[in-house]
Amino acid sequence: MIIDLAIKAAICIVFAAIVYKYKALDIGGTLFATFIGAIIIFLQGISWFLLLLIFFVTGTVATGYKMNFKKRRLQEKAKRKTMNVIANGIVPTMVAIFSIKNDFSFLYASAIAVALADTLASELGVLSDKAYFITNLKRAPPGTNGAVSLYGEIWALIGSLIIAIFSIPLLHLKPVYALGVVIIGMLGCQIDSVLGATFQGKGKGNIVSSDTLLTNNDVNLISISISTLIAYIIIAI
């Protein structure tokens, strides 16, 4: 028991040190990500933590890819901050807590799939020169809130597949549930885009316009929450 706790604590410390060293997050984001990781690894074990780590590493690589180009196009800093960590991590954390007495591994994988699908669609889809508003399919400048591209949708699918595939050995999900993870991941990404087009105005990324009702982090949190609720309804039927 003591050795197991020591190993888990060491993993969290190493994770925090690496994130801080390579500046993948700001200070607040690093602390909160470590806190989330600690909750998950101590409550549900290393395998659940590894699935979250896969999301984090993949998302970080996508964020750093062609960073200077994206800074010019989006007119914002690429580094992810505390509120982004909260928006993407709070639902998986809550699922992990509620999974102490119930097997909600499908919900956990689904929540992470939505987060990664949206992250890849946002970070890599913005590189496409052709984007369209999801609500009316009219052309939109790349990176505009609520705009989607074929390139971004492909990466959203890849993100969903990554989580689904790894959830089979790590969470012991049956293939049919892994397929459900892919579907929920893609659905959540579309929900995110619809919310962005409807409530974020016509700004880009975290740039706030006068008609903005929700921030990018708000949209992320709501889309992950709705998608996870849908996943819960599926297993409850």
Protein backbone atom coordinates (compact mmCIF):
# COMPACT_ATOMS: atom_id res chain seq x y z
CA MET A 1 0.00 0.00 0.00
CA ILE A 2 2.72 2.49 1.01
CA ILE A 3 4.84 1.62 -2.03
CA ASP A 4 1.82 2.04 -4.30
CA LEU A 5 1.05 5.46 -2.85
CA ALA A 6 4.70 6.48 -3.15
CA ILE A 7 4.81 5.47 -6.81
CA LYS A 8 1.65 7.44 -7.59
CA ALA A 9 2.96 10.49 -5.73
CA ALA A 10 6.25 10.26 -7.61
CA ILE A 11 4.41 10.11 -10.94
CA CYS A 12 2.52 13.29 -10.07
CA ILE A 13 5.71 15.08 -9.03
CA VAL A 14 7.54 14.05 -12.20
CA PHE A 15 4.55 15.11 -14.29
CA ALA A 16 4.48 18.55 -12.67
CA ALA A 17 8.24 18.97 -13.09
CA ILE A 18 8.16 18.08 -16.79
CA VAL A 19 5.17 20.32 -17.53
CA TYR A 20 6.86 23.20 -15.69
CA LYS A 21 10.25 22.64 -17.34
CA TYR A 22 8.87 22.61 -20.88
CA LYS A 23 6.33 25.37 -20.13
CA ALA A 24 3.44 23.39 -21.55
CA LEU A 25 1.14 25.29 -19.18
CA ASP A 26 1.41 28.43 -17.11
CA ILE A 27 2.06 28.09 -13.36
CA GLY A 28 -1.60 27.96 -12.42
CA GLY A 29 -2.36 25.48 -15.17
CA THR A 30 0.52 23.26 -14.09
CA LEU A 31 -0.66 23.20 -10.48
CA PHE A 32 -4.26 22.49 -11.39
CA ALA A 33 -3.33 19.82 -13.95
CA THR A 34 -1.20 18.12 -11.30
CA PHE A 35 -4.09 18.36 -8.83
CA ILE A 36 -6.46 16.75 -11.34
CA GLY A 37 -3.92 14.07 -12.14
CA ALA A 38 -3.44 13.33 -8.45
CA ILE A 39 -7.17 12.91 -7.85
CA ILE A 40 -7.51 10.54 -10.78
CA ILE A 41 -4.40 8.46 -10.12
CA PHE A 42 -5.14 8.04 -6.39
CA LEU A 43 -8.83 7.28 -6.88
CA GLN A 44 -8.77 5.18 -10.05
CA GLY A 45 -5.17 4.14 -10.61
CA ILE A 46 -2.39 4.60 -13.10
CA SER A 47 -4.36 3.34 -16.12
CA TRP A 48 -6.95 6.12 -15.82
CA PHE A 49 -4.15 8.64 -15.33
CA LEU A 50 -2.40 7.35 -18.47
CA LEU A 51 -5.48 7.98 -20.60
CA LEU A 52 -5.58 11.56 -19.34
CA LEU A 53 -1.85 11.84 -19.97
CA ILE A 54 -2.36 10.71 -23.58
CA PHE A 55 -4.84 13.55 -24.00
CA PHE A 56 -2.47 16.04 -22.42
CA VAL A 57 0.60 15.05 -24.45
CA THR A 58 -1.29 14.87 -27.75
CA GLY A 59 -3.02 18.18 -27.10
CA THR A 60 0.24 19.85 -26.10
CA VAL A 61 2.00 18.68 -29.27
CA ALA A 62 -0.92 19.94 -31.36
CA THR A 63 -0.84 23.29 -29.56
CA GLY A 64 2.88 23.72 -30.19
CA TYR A 65 2.69 22.72 -33.86
CA LYS A 66 3.23 25.78 -36.09
CA MET A 67 2.77 27.94 -33.02
CA ASN A 68 4.05 31.17 -34.58
CA PHE A 69 1.69 30.83 -37.54
CA LYS A 70 -1.27 30.25 -35.21
CA LYS A 71 -0.28 33.23 -33.06
CA ARG A 72 -0.44 35.46 -36.14
CA ARG A 73 -3.71 33.98 -37.37
CA LEU A 74 -5.50 33.93 -34.01
CA GLN A 75 -3.74 36.96 -32.50
CA GLU A 76 -3.39 35.19 -29.16
CA LYS A 77 -0.83 33.28 -27.13
CA ALA A 78 -0.77 29.54 -27.74
CA LYS A 79 0.12 28.50 -24.19
CA ARG A 80 -2.80 26.93 -22.35
CA LYS A 81 -3.74 28.41 -19.00
CA THR A 82 -5.52 27.49 -15.79
CA MET A 83 -9.07 28.02 -17.03
CA ASN A 84 -8.41 25.82 -20.06
CA VAL A 85 -7.20 23.04 -17.77
CA ILE A 86 -10.31 23.41 -15.63
CA ALA A 87 -12.65 23.46 -18.64
CA ASN A 88 -11.18 20.27 -20.07
CA GLY A 89 -10.38 18.47 -16.83
CA ILE A 90 -13.23 19.09 -14.41
CA VAL A 91 -15.71 16.66 -16.02
CA PRO A 92 -13.27 13.70 -16.24
CA THR A 93 -12.30 14.42 -12.64
CA MET A 94 -15.92 14.38 -11.47
CA VAL A 95 -16.50 11.15 -13.38
CA ALA A 96 -13.46 9.61 -11.67
CA ILE A 97 -14.85 10.61 -8.28
CA PHE A 98 -18.29 9.16 -9.00
CA SER A 99 -16.65 6.01 -10.36
CA ILE A 100 -15.54 5.01 -6.87
CA LYS A 101 -18.82 3.12 -6.46
CA ASN A 102 -19.82 2.76 -10.13
CA ASP A 103 -18.09 1.76 -13.34
CA PHE A 104 -18.19 4.97 -15.34
CA SER A 105 -15.10 4.22 -17.42
CA PHE A 106 -17.14 4.74 -20.62
CA LEU A 107 -18.12 8.22 -19.44
CA TYR A 108 -14.53 8.99 -18.51
CA ALA A 109 -13.21 7.97 -21.92
CA SER A 110 -16.04 9.85 -23.64
CA ALA A 111 -15.29 13.09 -21.77
CA ILE A 112 -11.60 12.88 -22.67
CA ALA A 113 -12.43 12.00 -26.28
CA VAL A 114 -14.51 15.17 -26.60
CA ALA A 115 -11.72 17.24 -25.07
CA LEU A 116 -9.08 15.82 -27.42
CA ALA A 117 -11.32 15.93 -30.50
CA ASP A 118 -12.02 19.61 -29.90
CA THR A 119 -8.39 20.39 -29.07
CA LEU A 120 -7.08 18.81 -32.27
CA ALA A 121 -9.88 20.32 -34.36
CA SER A 122 -9.11 23.76 -32.95
CA GLU A 123 -5.31 23.62 -32.91
CA LEU A 124 -4.84 21.89 -36.27
CA GLY A 125 -8.05 22.82 -38.07
CA VAL A 126 -7.03 26.47 -37.89
CA LEU A 127 -4.20 25.65 -40.31
CA SER A 128 -6.76 25.06 -43.06
CA ASP A 129 -7.53 27.95 -45.40
CA LYS A 130 -11.13 26.84 -45.94
CA ALA A 131 -13.53 27.07 -43.01
CA TYR A 132 -17.30 27.27 -42.78
CA PHE A 133 -19.74 28.24 -40.04
CA ILE A 134 -21.30 25.03 -38.76
CA THR A 135 -24.71 26.68 -38.42
CA ASN A 136 -25.16 27.89 -42.02
CA LEU A 137 -22.13 26.53 -43.92
CA LYS A 138 -21.11 30.03 -45.04
CA ARG A 139 -17.39 30.69 -45.52
CA ALA A 140 -15.62 31.97 -42.43
CA PRO A 141 -12.07 33.10 -41.68
CA PRO A 142 -10.01 30.17 -40.31
CA GLY A 143 -10.03 30.13 -36.53
CA THR A 144 -13.36 31.92 -36.21
CA ASN A 145 -15.51 30.67 -33.35
CA GLY A 146 -18.06 28.18 -34.64
CA ALA A 147 -16.23 27.61 -37.91
CA VAL A 148 -15.29 24.09 -39.01
CA SER A 149 -13.09 22.67 -41.75
CA LEU A 150 -12.62 19.27 -43.32
CA TYR A 151 -9.06 19.26 -42.00
CA GLY A 152 -10.29 20.01 -38.49
CA GLU A 153 -12.99 17.34 -38.66
CA ILE A 154 -10.45 14.74 -39.72
CA TRP A 155 -8.27 15.62 -36.75
CA ALA A 156 -11.30 15.51 -34.45
CA LEU A 157 -11.95 11.97 -35.64
CA ILE A 158 -8.30 11.05 -35.11
CA GLY A 159 -8.44 12.45 -31.57
CA SER A 160 -11.58 10.46 -30.78
CA LEU A 161 -10.01 7.31 -32.22
CA ILE A 162 -6.84 7.76 -30.16
CA ILE A 163 -8.78 7.85 -26.91
CA ALA A 164 -11.11 5.04 -27.97
CA ILE A 165 -8.25 2.73 -28.96
CA PHE A 166 -6.28 3.31 -25.77
CA SER A 167 -9.40 2.98 -23.63
CA ILE A 168 -9.66 -0.70 -24.59
CA PRO A 169 -6.44 -1.85 -22.83
CA LEU A 170 -6.36 0.91 -20.18
CA LEU A 171 -10.02 0.96 -19.12
CA HIS A 172 -10.94 -2.51 -20.37
CA LEU A 173 -13.72 -1.11 -22.54
CA LYS A 174 -15.40 -3.51 -24.94
CA PRO A 175 -14.97 -2.60 -28.64
CA VAL A 176 -18.64 -1.60 -28.92
CA TYR A 177 -18.14 0.94 -26.12
CA ALA A 178 -14.92 2.13 -27.72
CA LEU A 179 -16.95 2.81 -30.86
CA GLY A 180 -19.34 4.76 -28.66
CA VAL A 181 -16.40 6.83 -27.42
CA VAL A 182 -15.57 7.77 -31.02
CA ILE A 183 -19.17 8.78 -31.69
CA ILE A 184 -19.45 10.81 -28.48
CA GLY A 185 -16.09 12.47 -29.19
CA MET A 186 -17.20 13.60 -32.63
CA LEU A 187 -20.64 14.63 -31.38
CA GLY A 188 -19.12 16.70 -28.60
CA CYS A 189 -16.83 18.45 -31.05
CA GLN A 190 -19.85 19.47 -33.16
CA ILE A 191 -21.73 20.64 -30.07
CA ASP A 192 -18.71 22.78 -29.22
CA SER A 193 -18.77 24.35 -32.69
CA VAL A 194 -22.52 25.04 -32.56
CA LEU A 195 -22.17 26.67 -29.15
CA GLY A 196 -19.22 28.68 -30.43
CA ALA A 197 -21.13 29.91 -33.47
CA THR A 198 -24.20 30.74 -31.40
CA PHE A 199 -22.82 32.22 -28.21
CA GLN A 200 -19.21 33.30 -28.84
CA GLY A 201 -19.82 35.93 -31.46
CA LYS A 202 -17.47 36.18 -34.41
CA GLY A 203 -14.17 36.50 -32.61
CA LYS A 204 -11.27 34.08 -32.90
CA GLY A 205 -10.16 31.67 -30.18
CA ASN A 206 -10.15 33.49 -26.85
CA ILE A 207 -10.56 36.91 -28.47
CA VAL A 208 -13.80 38.35 -27.08
CA SER A 209 -16.12 40.29 -29.38
CA SER A 210 -18.96 42.59 -28.35
CA ASP A 211 -21.63 39.92 -28.95
CA THR A 212 -19.87 37.21 -26.95
CA LEU A 213 -21.99 35.47 -24.31
CA LEU A 214 -19.63 32.57 -23.57
CA THR A 215 -15.86 32.31 -23.54
CA ASN A 216 -13.97 29.54 -25.29
CA ASN A 217 -13.46 27.78 -21.95
CA ASP A 218 -17.17 28.05 -21.16
CA VAL A 219 -18.01 26.40 -24.46
CA ASN A 220 -15.48 23.62 -23.87
CA LEU A 221 -16.88 22.86 -20.42
CA ILE A 222 -20.50 22.88 -21.59
CA SER A 223 -19.84 20.69 -24.64
CA ILE A 224 -17.92 18.12 -22.58
CA SER A 225 -20.65 18.14 -19.93
CA ILE A 226 -23.47 17.66 -22.46
CA SER A 227 -21.59 14.90 -24.27
CA THR A 228 -20.83 13.07 -21.04
CA LEU A 229 -24.49 13.32 -20.05
CA ILE A 230 -25.44 11.78 -23.41
CA ALA A 231 -22.94 8.98 -22.76
CA TYR A 232 -24.56 8.41 -19.36
CA ILE A 233 -28.02 8.23 -20.93
CA ILE A 234 -26.72 5.63 -23.40
CA ILE A 235 -25.48 3.28 -20.68
CA ALA A 236 -28.55 3.94 -18.52
CA ILE A 237 -31.01 2.86 -21.21
